Amino acid sequence: MLIRYKKSYEKIAMGLLSFVPSEKELKKLQETIKNYEEEDHWQLFLWKEEEDIIGIIGVSVEDDRAYLRHVSVNPSHRGLGVGRKMVSALQRLLGEKYTIVPTDLTEAFYEKCLKEDEG
């Protein structure tokens, strides 16, 4: 289930975001978390299964588009469809109001999700 990020999840969120190749540097990671905390149009969600937070997905919203900025799943839960579940849940959450648009960094993963949904 998707839950909205809040400050108390900061360490978990930073840990999950650190798996994203573009977020390896601590300074960049801190800047990204700051954007999600302070910028109204940046929205971060965590994926919780049972009692564990195992994934994270983040978007920046502009007009009628939600740009998919970050998707990360705990390595021990990869290959189980968690990322695809997060994208689907995000689409349901955003509804008709926003169209999800991948960035260069998330495009390959997003396209893979779409193909798996079609198949």
PDB file of N, CA and C in Angstrom:
ATOM      1  N   MET A   1       0.840  -1.172   0.000  1.00  0.00           N
ATOM      2  CA  MET A   1       0.000   0.000   0.000  1.00  0.00           C
ATOM      3  C   MET A   1       0.887   1.237   0.000  1.00  0.00           C
ATOM      4  N   LEU A   2       0.474   2.242  -0.742  1.00  0.00           N
ATOM      5  CA  LEU A   2       1.206   3.507  -0.783  1.00  0.00           C
ATOM      6  C   LEU A   2       0.878   4.343   0.441  1.00  0.00           C
ATOM      7  N   ILE A   3       1.905   4.900   1.044  1.00  0.00           N
ATOM      8  CA  ILE A   3       1.704   5.857   2.128  1.00  0.00           C
ATOM      9  C   ILE A   3       2.517   7.104   1.808  1.00  0.00           C
ATOM     10  N   ARG A   4       1.968   8.243   2.151  1.00  0.00           N
ATOM     11  CA  ARG A   4       2.643   9.511   1.857  1.00  0.00           C
ATOM     12  C   ARG A   4       3.854   9.680   2.779  1.00  0.00           C
ATOM     13  N   TYR A   5       4.930  10.169   2.202  1.00  0.00           N
ATOM     14  CA  TYR A   5       6.155  10.432   2.956  1.00  0.00           C
ATOM     15  C   TYR A   5       5.899  11.486   4.024  1.00  0.00           C
ATOM     16  N   LYS A   6       6.500  11.277   5.174  1.00  0.00           N
ATOM     17  CA  LYS A   6       6.566  12.314   6.200  1.00  0.00           C
ATOM     18  C   LYS A   6       7.944  12.237   6.843  1.00  0.00           C
ATOM     19  N   LYS A   7       8.329  13.277   7.532  1.00  0.00           N
ATOM     20  CA  LYS A   7       9.685  13.432   8.075  1.00  0.00           C
ATOM     21  C   LYS A   7      10.132  12.226   8.903  1.00  0.00           C
ATOM     22  N   SER A   8       9.210  11.586   9.610  1.00  0.00           N
ATOM     23  CA  SER A   8       9.587  10.448  10.453  1.00  0.00           C
ATOM     24  C   SER A   8      10.091   9.255   9.629  1.00  0.00           C
ATOM     25  N   TYR A   9       9.833   9.259   8.325  1.00  0.00           N
ATOM     26  CA  TYR A   9      10.304   8.201   7.433  1.00  0.00           C
ATOM     27  C   TYR A   9      11.606   8.573   6.719  1.00  0.00           C
ATOM     28  N   GLU A  10      12.224   9.666   7.119  1.00  0.00           N
ATOM     29  CA  GLU A  10      13.374  10.184   6.377  1.00  0.00           C
ATOM     30  C   GLU A  10      14.496   9.160   6.191  1.00  0.00           C
ATOM     31  N   LYS A  11      14.900   8.464   7.242  1.00  0.00           N
ATOM     32  CA  LYS A  11      16.008   7.514   7.124  1.00  0.00           C
ATOM     33  C   LYS A  11      15.648   6.350   6.206  1.00  0.00           C
ATOM     34  N   ILE A  12      14.439   5.845   6.321  1.00  0.00           N
ATOM     35  CA  ILE A  12      13.992   4.759   5.451  1.00  0.00           C
ATOM     36  C   ILE A  12      13.976   5.239   4.003  1.00  0.00           C
ATOM     37  N   ALA A  13      13.419   6.437   3.788  1.00  0.00           N
ATOM     38  CA  ALA A  13      13.333   6.993   2.432  1.00  0.00           C
ATOM     39  C   ALA A  13      14.722   7.201   1.838  1.00  0.00           C
ATOM     40  N   MET A  14      15.637   7.736   2.628  1.00  0.00           N
ATOM     41  CA  MET A  14      17.000   7.958   2.125  1.00  0.00           C
ATOM     42  C   MET A  14      17.679   6.625   1.804  1.00  0.00           C
ATOM     43  N   GLY A  15      17.442   5.618   2.624  1.00  0.00           N
ATOM     44  CA  GLY A  15      18.015   4.304   2.359  1.00  0.00           C
ATOM     45  C   GLY A  15      17.521   3.730   1.041  1.00  0.00           C
ATOM     46  N   LEU A  16      16.220   3.827   0.802  1.00  0.00           N
ATOM     47  CA  LEU A  16      15.649   3.306  -0.443  1.00  0.00           C
ATOM     48  C   LEU A  16      16.083   4.135  -1.646  1.00  0.00           C
ATOM     49  N   LEU A  17      16.103   5.460  -1.489  1.00  0.00           N
ATOM     50  CA  LEU A  17      16.535   6.322  -2.596  1.00  0.00           C
ATOM     51  C   LEU A  17      18.012   6.117  -2.936  1.00  0.00           C
ATOM     52  N   SER A  18      18.799   5.699  -1.950  1.00  0.00           N
ATOM     53  CA  SER A  18      20.232   5.514  -2.211  1.00  0.00           C
ATOM     54  C   SER A  18      20.500   4.374  -3.199  1.00  0.00           C
ATOM     55  N   PHE A  19      19.492   3.523  -3.449  1.00  0.00           N
ATOM     56  CA  PHE A  19      19.637   2.468  -4.456  1.00  0.00           C
ATOM     57  C   PHE A  19      19.479   3.000  -5.877  1.00  0.00           C
ATOM     58  N   VAL A  20      18.962   4.223  -6.023  1.00  0.00           N
ATOM     59  CA  VAL A  20      18.804   4.843  -7.336  1.00  0.00           C
ATOM     60  C   VAL A  20      20.178   5.350  -7.775  1.00  0.00           C
ATOM     61  N   PRO A  21      20.653   4.929  -8.950  1.00  0.00           N
ATOM     62  CA  PRO A  21      22.007   5.308  -9.374  1.00  0.00           C
ATOM     63  C   PRO A  21      22.301   6.809  -9.309  1.00  0.00           C
ATOM     64  N   SER A  22      21.336   7.650  -9.643  1.00  0.00           N
ATOM     65  CA  SER A  22      21.583   9.094  -9.643  1.00  0.00           C
ATOM     66  C   SER A  22      21.623   9.682  -8.230  1.00  0.00           C
ATOM     67  N   GLU A  23      21.317   8.878  -7.215  1.00  0.00           N
ATOM     68  CA  GLU A  23      21.242   9.369  -5.834  1.00  0.00           C
ATOM     69  C   GLU A  23      22.339   8.781  -4.943  1.00  0.00           C
ATOM     70  N   LYS A  24      23.403   8.303  -5.532  1.00  0.00           N
ATOM     71  CA  LYS A  24      24.464   7.650  -4.766  1.00  0.00           C
ATOM     72  C   LYS A  24      25.223   8.615  -3.846  1.00  0.00           C
ATOM     73  N   GLU A  25      25.437   9.846  -4.308  1.00  0.00           N
ATOM     74  CA  GLU A  25      26.161  10.831  -3.502  1.00  0.00           C
ATOM     75  C   GLU A  25      25.265  11.347  -2.384  1.00  0.00           C
ATOM     76  N   LEU A  26      25.810  11.414  -1.171  1.00  0.00           N
ATOM     77  CA  LEU A  26      25.027  11.850  -0.013  1.00  0.00           C
ATOM     78  C   LEU A  26      24.446  13.254  -0.207  1.00  0.00           C
ATOM     79  N   LYS A  27      25.246  14.166  -0.753  1.00  0.00           N
ATOM     80  CA  LYS A  27      24.779  15.539  -0.945  1.00  0.00           C
ATOM     81  C   LYS A  27      23.573  15.574  -1.901  1.00  0.00           C
ATOM     82  N   LYS A  28      23.633  14.811  -2.983  1.00  0.00           N
ATOM     83  CA  LYS A  28      22.533  14.750  -3.944  1.00  0.00           C
ATOM     84  C   LYS A  28      21.298  14.122  -3.290  1.00  0.00           C
ATOM     85  N   LEU A  29      21.507  13.070  -2.525  1.00  0.00           N
ATOM     86  CA  LEU A  29      20.418  12.394  -1.831  1.00  0.00           C
ATOM     87  C   LEU A  29      19.729  13.343  -0.848  1.00  0.00           C
ATOM     88  N   GLN A  30      20.501  14.093  -0.091  1.00  0.00           N
ATOM     89  CA  GLN A  30      19.935  15.058   0.867  1.00  0.00           C
ATOM     90  C   GLN A  30      19.154  16.153   0.143  1.00  0.00           C
ATOM     91  N   GLU A  31      19.668  16.589  -1.003  1.00  0.00           N
ATOM     92  CA  GLU A  31      18.983  17.606  -1.810  1.00  0.00           C
ATOM     93  C   GLU A  31      17.636  17.074  -2.317  1.00  0.00           C
ATOM     94  N   THR A  32      17.621  15.818  -2.749  1.00  0.00           N
ATOM     95  CA  THR A  32      16.385  15.203  -3.248  1.00  0.00           C
ATOM     96  C   THR A  32      15.348  15.101  -2.144  1.00  0.00           C
ATOM     97  N   ILE A  33      15.753  14.622  -0.977  1.00  0.00           N
ATOM     98  CA  ILE A  33      14.823  14.512   0.159  1.00  0.00           C
ATOM     99  C   ILE A  33      14.291  15.899   0.527  1.00  0.00           C
ATOM    100  N   LYS A  34      15.158  16.899   0.507  1.00  0.00           N
ATOM    101  CA  LYS A  34      14.742  18.268   0.816  1.00  0.00           C
ATOM    102  C   LYS A  34      13.676  18.742  -0.177  1.00  0.00           C
ATOM    103  N   ASN A  35      13.857  18.424  -1.463  1.00  0.00           N
ATOM    104  CA  ASN A  35      12.847  18.790  -2.465  1.00  0.00           C
ATOM    105  C   ASN A  35      11.506  18.152  -2.136  1.00  0.00           C
ATOM    106  N   TYR A  36      11.520  16.866  -1.798  1.00  0.00           N
ATOM    107  CA  TYR A  36      10.266  16.182  -1.472  1.00  0.00           C
ATOM    108  C   TYR A  36       9.621  16.751  -0.208  1.00  0.00           C
ATOM    109  N   GLU A  37      10.433  17.211   0.737  1.00  0.00           N
ATOM    110  CA  GLU A  37       9.894  17.767   1.979  1.00  0.00           C
ATOM    111  C   GLU A  37       9.383  19.191   1.821  1.00  0.00           C
ATOM    112  N   GLU A  38      10.050  19.995   0.988  1.00  0.00           N
ATOM    113  CA  GLU A  38       9.752  21.426   0.947  1.00  0.00           C
ATOM    114  C   GLU A  38       8.978  21.907  -0.272  1.00  0.00           C
ATOM    115  N   GLU A  39       9.082  21.205  -1.379  1.00  0.00           N
ATOM    116  CA  GLU A  39       8.422  21.639  -2.610  1.00  0.00           C
ATOM    117  C   GLU A  39       7.029  21.009  -2.703  1.00  0.00           C
ATOM    118  N   ASP A  40       6.011  21.854  -2.801  1.00  0.00           N
ATOM    119  CA  ASP A  40       4.630  21.353  -2.848  1.00  0.00           C
ATOM    120  C   ASP A  40       4.377  20.448  -4.045  1.00  0.00           C
ATOM    121  N   HIS A  41       5.040  20.712  -5.162  1.00  0.00           N
ATOM    122  CA  HIS A  41       4.765  19.922  -6.363  1.00  0.00           C
ATOM    123  C   HIS A  41       5.580  18.624  -6.433  1.00  0.00           C
ATOM    124  N   TRP A  42       6.461  18.380  -5.459  1.00  0.00           N
ATOM    125  CA  TRP A  42       7.189  17.118  -5.369  1.00  0.00           C
ATOM    126  C   TRP A  42       6.473  16.248  -4.345  1.00  0.00           C
ATOM    127  N   GLN A  43       6.113  15.023  -4.738  1.00  0.00           N
ATOM    128  CA  GLN A  43       5.375  14.131  -3.856  1.00  0.00           C
ATOM    129  C   GLN A  43       6.071  12.776  -3.793  1.00  0.00           C
ATOM    130  N   LEU A  44       6.311  12.311  -2.583  1.00  0.00           N
ATOM    131  CA  LEU A  44       7.013  11.056  -2.360  1.00  0.00           C
ATOM    132  C   LEU A  44       6.101  10.102  -1.602  1.00  0.00           C
ATOM    133  N   PHE A  45       6.104   8.846  -2.039  1.00  0.00           N
ATOM    134  CA  PHE A  45       5.284   7.818  -1.409  1.00  0.00           C
ATOM    135  C   PHE A  45       6.152   6.605  -1.103  1.00  0.00           C
ATOM    136  N   LEU A  46       5.823   5.941  -0.012  1.00  0.00           N
ATOM    137  CA  LEU A  46       6.517   4.716   0.359  1.00  0.00           C
ATOM    138  C   LEU A  46       5.562   3.551   0.162  1.00  0.00           C
ATOM    139  N   TRP A  47       6.112   2.397  -0.133  1.00  0.00           N
ATOM    140  CA  TRP A  47       5.313   1.192  -0.347  1.00  0.00           C
ATOM    141  C   TRP A  47       5.492   0.282   0.858  1.00  0.00           C
ATOM    142  N   LYS A  48       4.374  -0.018   1.500  1.00  0.00           N
ATOM    143  CA  LYS A  48       4.392  -0.838   2.707  1.00  0.00           C
ATOM    144  C   LYS A  48       3.665  -2.149   2.448  1.00  0.00           C
ATOM    145  N   GLU A  49       4.334  -3.243   2.777  1.00  0.00           N
ATOM    146  CA  GLU A  49       3.715  -4.570   2.733  1.00  0.00           C
ATOM    147  C   GLU A  49       3.861  -5.162   4.119  1.00  0.00           C
ATOM    148  N   GLU A  50       2.733  -5.556   4.689  1.00  0.00           N
ATOM    149  CA  GLU A  50       2.682  -6.018   6.071  1.00  0.00           C
ATOM    150  C   GLU A  50       3.262  -4.914   6.951  1.00  0.00           C
ATOM    151  N   GLU A  51       4.338  -5.170   7.662  1.00  0.00           N
ATOM    152  CA  GLU A  51       4.907  -4.146   8.546  1.00  0.00           C
ATOM    153  C   GLU A  51       6.143  -3.456   7.971  1.00  0.00           C
ATOM    154  N   ASP A  52       6.552  -3.869   6.781  1.00  0.00           N
ATOM    155  CA  ASP A  52       7.808  -3.372   6.217  1.00  0.00           C
ATOM    156  C   ASP A  52       7.600  -2.377   5.083  1.00  0.00           C
ATOM    157  N   ILE A  53       8.411  -1.334   5.087  1.00  0.00           N
ATOM    158  CA  ILE A  53       8.455  -0.398   3.964  1.00  0.00           C
ATOM    159  C   ILE A  53       9.548  -0.909   3.044  1.00  0.00           C
ATOM    160  N   ILE A  54       9.154  -1.287   1.819  1.00  0.00           N
ATOM    161  CA  ILE A  54      10.103  -1.956   0.922  1.00  0.00           C
ATOM    162  C   ILE A  54      10.330  -1.221  -0.398  1.00  0.00           C
ATOM    163  N   GLY A  55       9.622  -0.112  -0.601  1.00  0.00           N
ATOM    164  CA  GLY A  55       9.788   0.615  -1.854  1.00  0.00           C
ATOM    165  C   GLY A  55       9.458   2.076  -1.698  1.00  0.00           C
ATOM    166  N   ILE A  56       9.835   2.821  -2.714  1.00  0.00           N
ATOM    167  CA  ILE A  56       9.591   4.264  -2.711  1.00  0.00           C
ATOM    168  C   ILE A  56       9.340   4.716  -4.142  1.00  0.00           C
ATOM    169  N   ILE A  57       8.440   5.674  -4.305  1.00  0.00           N
ATOM    170  CA  ILE A  57       8.140   6.215  -5.636  1.00  0.00           C
ATOM    171  C   ILE A  57       7.867   7.712  -5.479  1.00  0.00           C
ATOM    172  N   GLY A  58       8.466   8.504  -6.359  1.00  0.00           N
ATOM    173  CA  GLY A  58       8.325   9.951  -6.246  1.00  0.00           C
ATOM    174  C   GLY A  58       8.026  10.606  -7.577  1.00  0.00           C
ATOM    175  N   VAL A  59       7.194  11.638  -7.516  1.00  0.00           N
ATOM    176  CA  VAL A  59       6.816  12.391  -8.712  1.00  0.00           C
ATOM    177  C   VAL A  59       6.927  13.889  -8.446  1.00  0.00           C
ATOM    178  N   SER A  60       7.044  14.634  -9.521  1.00  0.00           N
ATOM    179  CA  SER A  60       6.873  16.086  -9.444  1.00  0.00           C
ATOM    180  C   SER A  60       5.711  16.414 -10.374  1.00  0.00           C
ATOM    181  N   VAL A  61       4.805  17.209  -9.865  1.00  0.00           N
ATOM    182  CA  VAL A  61       3.564  17.489 -10.576  1.00  0.00           C
ATOM    183  C   VAL A  61       3.625  18.875 -11.205  1.00  0.00           C
ATOM    184  N   GLU A  62       3.298  18.922 -12.490  1.00  0.00           N
ATOM    185  CA  GLU A  62       3.209  20.196 -13.217  1.00  0.00           C
ATOM    186  C   GLU A  62       1.987  20.124 -14.120  1.00  0.00           C
ATOM    187  N   ASP A  63       1.095  21.071 -13.954  1.00  0.00           N
ATOM    188  CA  ASP A  63      -0.150  21.117 -14.719  1.00  0.00           C
ATOM    189  C   ASP A  63      -0.876  19.782 -14.605  1.00  0.00           C
ATOM    190  N   ASP A  64      -1.064  19.075 -15.702  1.00  0.00           N
ATOM    191  CA  ASP A  64      -1.795  17.802 -15.665  1.00  0.00           C
ATOM    192  C   ASP A  64      -0.861  16.601 -15.773  1.00  0.00           C
ATOM    193  N   ARG A  65       0.430  16.808 -15.498  1.00  0.00           N
ATOM    194  CA  ARG A  65       1.409  15.734 -15.609  1.00  0.00           C
ATOM    195  C   ARG A  65       2.097  15.468 -14.271  1.00  0.00           C
ATOM    196  N   ALA A  66       2.354  14.203 -14.018  1.00  0.00           N
ATOM    197  CA  ALA A  66       3.120  13.788 -12.851  1.00  0.00           C
ATOM    198  C   ALA A  66       4.379  13.108 -13.381  1.00  0.00           C
ATOM    199  N   TYR A  67       5.500  13.796 -13.255  1.00  0.00           N
ATOM    200  CA  TYR A  67       6.760  13.270 -13.766  1.00  0.00           C
ATOM    201  C   TYR A  67       7.337  12.259 -12.773  1.00  0.00           C
ATOM    202  N   LEU A  68       7.490  11.031 -13.229  1.00  0.00           N
ATOM    203  CA  LEU A  68       8.004   9.955 -12.399  1.00  0.00           C
ATOM    204  C   LEU A  68       9.504  10.146 -12.213  1.00  0.00           C
ATOM    205  N   ARG A  69       9.897  10.612 -11.047  1.00  0.00           N
ATOM    206  CA  ARG A  69      11.297  10.965 -10.772  1.00  0.00           C
ATOM    207  C   ARG A  69      12.101   9.810 -10.185  1.00  0.00           C
ATOM    208  N   HIS A  70      11.497   9.085  -9.262  1.00  0.00           N
ATOM    209  CA  HIS A  70      12.232   8.034  -8.567  1.00  0.00           C
ATOM    210  C   HIS A  70      11.348   6.804  -8.343  1.00  0.00           C
ATOM    211  N   VAL A  71      11.939   5.647  -8.544  1.00  0.00           N
ATOM    212  CA  VAL A  71      11.314   4.370  -8.200  1.00  0.00           C
ATOM    213  C   VAL A  71      12.438   3.503  -7.651  1.00  0.00           C
ATOM    214  N   SER A  72      12.234   2.965  -6.461  1.00  0.00           N
ATOM    215  CA  SER A  72      13.255   2.106  -5.880  1.00  0.00           C
ATOM    216  C   SER A  72      12.589   1.055  -5.002  1.00  0.00           C
ATOM    217  N   VAL A  73      13.120  -0.155  -5.091  1.00  0.00           N
ATOM    218  CA  VAL A  73      12.627  -1.271  -4.290  1.00  0.00           C
ATOM    219  C   VAL A  73      13.824  -1.878  -3.557  1.00  0.00           C
ATOM    220  N   ASN A  74      13.610  -2.236  -2.310  1.00  0.00           N
ATOM    221  CA  ASN A  74      14.636  -2.909  -1.532  1.00  0.00           C
ATOM    222  C   ASN A  74      15.143  -4.108  -2.339  1.00  0.00           C
ATOM    223  N   PRO A  75      16.463  -4.262  -2.478  1.00  0.00           N
ATOM    224  CA  PRO A  75      17.005  -5.339  -3.313  1.00  0.00           C
ATOM    225  C   PRO A  75      16.481  -6.736  -2.972  1.00  0.00           C
ATOM    226  N   SER A  76      16.175  -6.994  -1.720  1.00  0.00           N
ATOM    227  CA  SER A  76      15.687  -8.328  -1.351  1.00  0.00           C
ATOM    228  C   SER A  76      14.243  -8.573  -1.792  1.00  0.00           C
ATOM    229  N   HIS A  77      13.583  -7.537  -2.301  1.00  0.00           N
ATOM    230  CA  HIS A  77      12.198  -7.668  -2.779  1.00  0.00           C
ATOM    231  C   HIS A  77      12.073  -7.428  -4.280  1.00  0.00           C
ATOM    232  N   ARG A  78      13.184  -7.324  -4.971  1.00  0.00           N
ATOM    233  CA  ARG A  78      13.148  -7.062  -6.414  1.00  0.00           C
ATOM    234  C   ARG A  78      12.744  -8.311  -7.183  1.00  0.00           C
ATOM    235  N   GLY A  79      12.171  -8.091  -8.346  1.00  0.00           N
ATOM    236  CA  GLY A  79      11.761  -9.200  -9.196  1.00  0.00           C
ATOM    237  C   GLY A  79      10.430  -9.810  -8.793  1.00  0.00           C
ATOM    238  N   LEU A  80       9.744  -9.189  -7.845  1.00  0.00           N
ATOM    239  CA  LEU A  80       8.474  -9.715  -7.337  1.00  0.00           C
ATOM    240  C   LEU A  80       7.282  -8.871  -7.771  1.00  0.00           C
ATOM    241  N   GLY A  81       7.518  -7.874  -8.624  1.00  0.00           N
ATOM    242  CA  GLY A  81       6.429  -7.031  -9.107  1.00  0.00           C
ATOM    243  C   GLY A  81       6.088  -5.858  -8.208  1.00  0.00           C
ATOM    244  N   VAL A  82       6.924  -5.580  -7.215  1.00  0.00           N
ATOM    245  CA  VAL A  82       6.658  -4.478  -6.286  1.00  0.00           C
ATOM    246  C   VAL A  82       6.663  -3.136  -7.017  1.00  0.00           C
ATOM    247  N   GLY A  83       7.638  -2.917  -7.876  1.00  0.00           N
ATOM    248  CA  GLY A  83       7.706  -1.654  -8.624  1.00  0.00           C
ATOM    249  C   GLY A  83       6.468  -1.442  -9.472  1.00  0.00           C
ATOM    250  N   ARG A  84       6.029  -2.505 -10.148  1.00  0.00           N
ATOM    251  CA  ARG A  84       4.831  -2.408 -10.980  1.00  0.00           C
ATOM    252  C   ARG A  84       3.597  -2.117 -10.114  1.00  0.00           C
ATOM    253  N   LYS A  85       3.522  -2.737  -8.934  1.00  0.00           N
ATOM    254  CA  LYS A  85       2.405  -2.466  -8.017  1.00  0.00           C
ATOM    255  C   LYS A  85       2.405  -1.001  -7.586  1.00  0.00           C
ATOM    256  N   MET A  86       3.608  -0.464  -7.330  1.00  0.00           N
ATOM    257  CA  MET A  86       3.700   0.938  -6.917  1.00  0.00           C
ATOM    258  C   MET A  86       3.219   1.864  -8.028  1.00  0.00           C
ATOM    259  N   VAL A  87       3.645   1.594  -9.266  1.00  0.00           N
ATOM    260  CA  VAL A  87       3.222   2.428 -10.400  1.00  0.00           C
ATOM    261  C   VAL A  87       1.704   2.350 -10.571  1.00  0.00           C
ATOM    262  N   SER A  88       1.140   1.151 -10.489  1.00  0.00           N
ATOM    263  CA  SER A  88      -0.312   0.992 -10.630  1.00  0.00           C
ATOM    264  C   SER A  88      -1.065   1.721  -9.516  1.00  0.00           C
ATOM    265  N   ALA A  89      -0.574   1.589  -8.287  1.00  0.00           N
ATOM    266  CA  ALA A  89      -1.221   2.273  -7.157  1.00  0.00           C
ATOM    267  C   ALA A  89      -1.126   3.787  -7.315  1.00  0.00           C
ATOM    268  N   LEU A  90       0.017   4.261  -7.814  1.00  0.00           N
ATOM    269  CA  LEU A  90       0.186   5.700  -8.038  1.00  0.00           C
ATOM    270  C   LEU A  90      -0.789   6.190  -9.108  1.00  0.00           C
ATOM    271  N   GLN A  91      -0.958   5.407 -10.172  1.00  0.00           N
ATOM    272  CA  GLN A  91      -1.908   5.781 -11.223  1.00  0.00           C
ATOM    273  C   GLN A  91      -3.325   5.878 -10.655  1.00  0.00           C
ATOM    274  N   ARG A  92      -3.698   4.909  -9.810  1.00  0.00           N
ATOM    275  CA  ARG A  92      -5.032   4.952  -9.191  1.00  0.00           C
ATOM    276  C   ARG A  92      -5.168   6.175  -8.282  1.00  0.00           C
ATOM    277  N   LEU A  93      -4.118   6.470  -7.522  1.00  0.00           N
ATOM    278  CA  LEU A  93      -4.138   7.604  -6.603  1.00  0.00           C
ATOM    279  C   LEU A  93      -4.270   8.930  -7.347  1.00  0.00           C
ATOM    280  N   LEU A  94      -3.532   9.068  -8.430  1.00  0.00           N
ATOM    281  CA  LEU A  94      -3.552  10.313  -9.200  1.00  0.00           C
ATOM    282  C   LEU A  94      -4.801  10.426 -10.064  1.00  0.00           C
ATOM    283  N   GLY A  95      -5.397   9.276 -10.367  1.00  0.00           N
ATOM    284  CA  GLY A  95      -6.653   9.241 -11.118  1.00  0.00           C
ATOM    285  C   GLY A  95      -6.572   9.918 -12.468  1.00  0.00           C
ATOM    286  N   GLU A  96      -7.666  10.528 -12.835  1.00  0.00           N
ATOM    287  CA  GLU A  96      -7.780  11.199 -14.130  1.00  0.00           C
ATOM    288  C   GLU A  96      -7.104  12.561 -14.131  1.00  0.00           C
ATOM    289  N   LYS A  97      -6.771  13.054 -12.943  1.00  0.00           N
ATOM    290  CA  LYS A  97      -6.234  14.413 -12.823  1.00  0.00           C
ATOM    291  C   LYS A  97      -4.844  14.570 -13.450  1.00  0.00           C
ATOM    292  N   TYR A  98      -4.018  13.511 -13.341  1.00  0.00           N
ATOM    293  CA  TYR A  98      -2.645  13.587 -13.825  1.00  0.00           C
ATOM    294  C   TYR A  98      -2.296  12.393 -14.707  1.00  0.00           C
ATOM    295  N   THR A  99      -1.473  12.656 -15.696  1.00  0.00           N
ATOM    296  CA  THR A  99      -0.903  11.605 -16.530  1.00  0.00           C
ATOM    297  C   THR A  99       0.525  11.392 -16.059  1.00  0.00           C
ATOM    298  N   ILE A 100       0.890  10.152 -15.799  1.00  0.00           N
ATOM    299  CA  ILE A 100       2.264   9.861 -15.387  1.00  0.00           C
ATOM    300  C   ILE A 100       3.169   9.901 -16.618  1.00  0.00           C
ATOM    301  N   VAL A 101       4.239  10.656 -16.491  1.00  0.00           N
ATOM    302  CA  VAL A 101       5.215  10.807 -17.566  1.00  0.00           C
ATOM    303  C   VAL A 101       6.587  10.439 -17.000  1.00  0.00           C
ATOM    304  N   PRO A 102       7.247   9.439 -17.556  1.00  0.00           N
ATOM    305  CA  PRO A 102       8.568   9.072 -17.035  1.00  0.00           C
ATOM    306  C   PRO A 102       9.625  10.103 -17.421  1.00  0.00           C
ATOM    307  N   THR A 103      10.654  10.189 -16.596  1.00  0.00           N
ATOM    308  CA  THR A 103      11.821  11.010 -16.932  1.00  0.00           C
ATOM    309  C   THR A 103      12.812  10.095 -17.649  1.00  0.00           C
ATOM    310  N   ASP A 104      13.911  10.650 -18.097  1.00  0.00           N
ATOM    311  CA  ASP A 104      14.938   9.832 -18.751  1.00  0.00           C
ATOM    312  C   ASP A 104      15.398   8.694 -17.834  1.00  0.00           C
ATOM    313  N   LEU A 105      15.477   8.975 -16.532  1.00  0.00           N
ATOM    314  CA  LEU A 105      15.969   7.979 -15.579  1.00  0.00           C
ATOM    315  C   LEU A 105      14.960   6.873 -15.290  1.00  0.00           C
ATOM    316  N   THR A 106      13.672   7.150 -15.461  1.00  0.00           N
ATOM    317  CA  THR A 106      12.644   6.154 -15.113  1.00  0.00           C
ATOM    318  C   THR A 106      11.938   5.570 -16.334  1.00  0.00           C
ATOM    319  N   GLU A 107      12.280   6.048 -17.523  1.00  0.00           N
ATOM    320  CA  GLU A 107      11.565   5.644 -18.730  1.00  0.00           C
ATOM    321  C   GLU A 107      11.627   4.138 -18.996  1.00  0.00           C
ATOM    322  N   ALA A 108      12.807   3.539 -18.921  1.00  0.00           N
ATOM    323  CA  ALA A 108      12.933   2.109 -19.215  1.00  0.00           C
ATOM    324  C   ALA A 108      12.086   1.275 -18.251  1.00  0.00           C
ATOM    325  N   PHE A 109      12.126   1.623 -16.970  1.00  0.00           N
ATOM    326  CA  PHE A 109      11.340   0.885 -15.985  1.00  0.00           C
ATOM    327  C   PHE A 109       9.843   1.079 -16.240  1.00  0.00           C
ATOM    328  N   TYR A 110       9.432   2.299 -16.507  1.00  0.00           N
ATOM    329  CA  TYR A 110       8.018   2.597 -16.744  1.00  0.00           C
ATOM    330  C   TYR A 110       7.501   1.849 -17.975  1.00  0.00           C
ATOM    331  N   GLU A 111       8.281   1.842 -19.041  1.00  0.00           N
ATOM    332  CA  GLU A 111       7.883   1.120 -20.257  1.00  0.00           C
ATOM    333  C   GLU A 111       7.746  -0.374 -19.974  1.00  0.00           C
ATOM    334  N   LYS A 112       8.642  -0.907 -19.168  1.00  0.00           N
ATOM    335  CA  LYS A 112       8.573  -2.321 -18.795  1.00  0.00           C
ATOM    336  C   LYS A 112       7.269  -2.605 -18.031  1.00  0.00           C
ATOM    337  N   CYS A 113       6.899  -1.711 -17.135  1.00  0.00           N
ATOM    338  CA  CYS A 113       5.638  -1.865 -16.382  1.00  0.00           C
ATOM    339  C   CYS A 113       4.443  -1.885 -17.330  1.00  0.00           C
ATOM    340  N   LEU A 114       4.439  -0.996 -18.312  1.00  0.00           N
ATOM    341  CA  LEU A 114       3.335  -0.929 -19.253  1.00  0.00           C
ATOM    342  C   LEU A 114       3.238  -2.210 -20.074  1.00  0.00           C
ATOM    343  N   LYS A 115       4.375  -2.737 -20.518  1.00  0.00           N
ATOM    344  CA  LYS A 115       4.383  -3.972 -21.305  1.00  0.00           C
ATOM    345  C   LYS A 115       3.883  -5.148 -20.482  1.00  0.00           C
ATOM    346  N   GLU A 116       4.284  -5.206 -19.209  1.00  0.00           N
ATOM    347  CA  GLU A 116       3.838  -6.306 -18.349  1.00  0.00           C
ATOM    348  C   GLU A 116       2.354  -6.214 -18.077  1.00  0.00           C
ATOM    349  N   ASP A 117       1.823  -4.993 -17.963  1.00  0.00           N
ATOM    350  CA  ASP A 117       0.382  -4.821 -17.756  1.00  0.00           C
ATOM    351  C   ASP A 117      -0.416  -5.256 -18.979  1.00  0.00           C
ATOM    352  N   GLU A 118       0.167  -5.025 -20.182  1.00  0.00           N
ATOM    353  CA  GLU A 118      -0.501  -5.413 -21.417  1.00  0.00           C
ATOM    354  C   GLU A 118      -0.480  -6.929 -21.595  1.00  0.00           C
ATOM    355  N   GLY A 119       0.630  -7.541 -21.178  1.00  0.00           N
ATOM    356  CA  GLY A 119       0.829  -8.977 -21.374  1.00  0.00           C
ATOM    357  C   GLY A 119       0.045  -9.773 -20.410  1.00  0.00           C
TER     358      GLY A 119
END
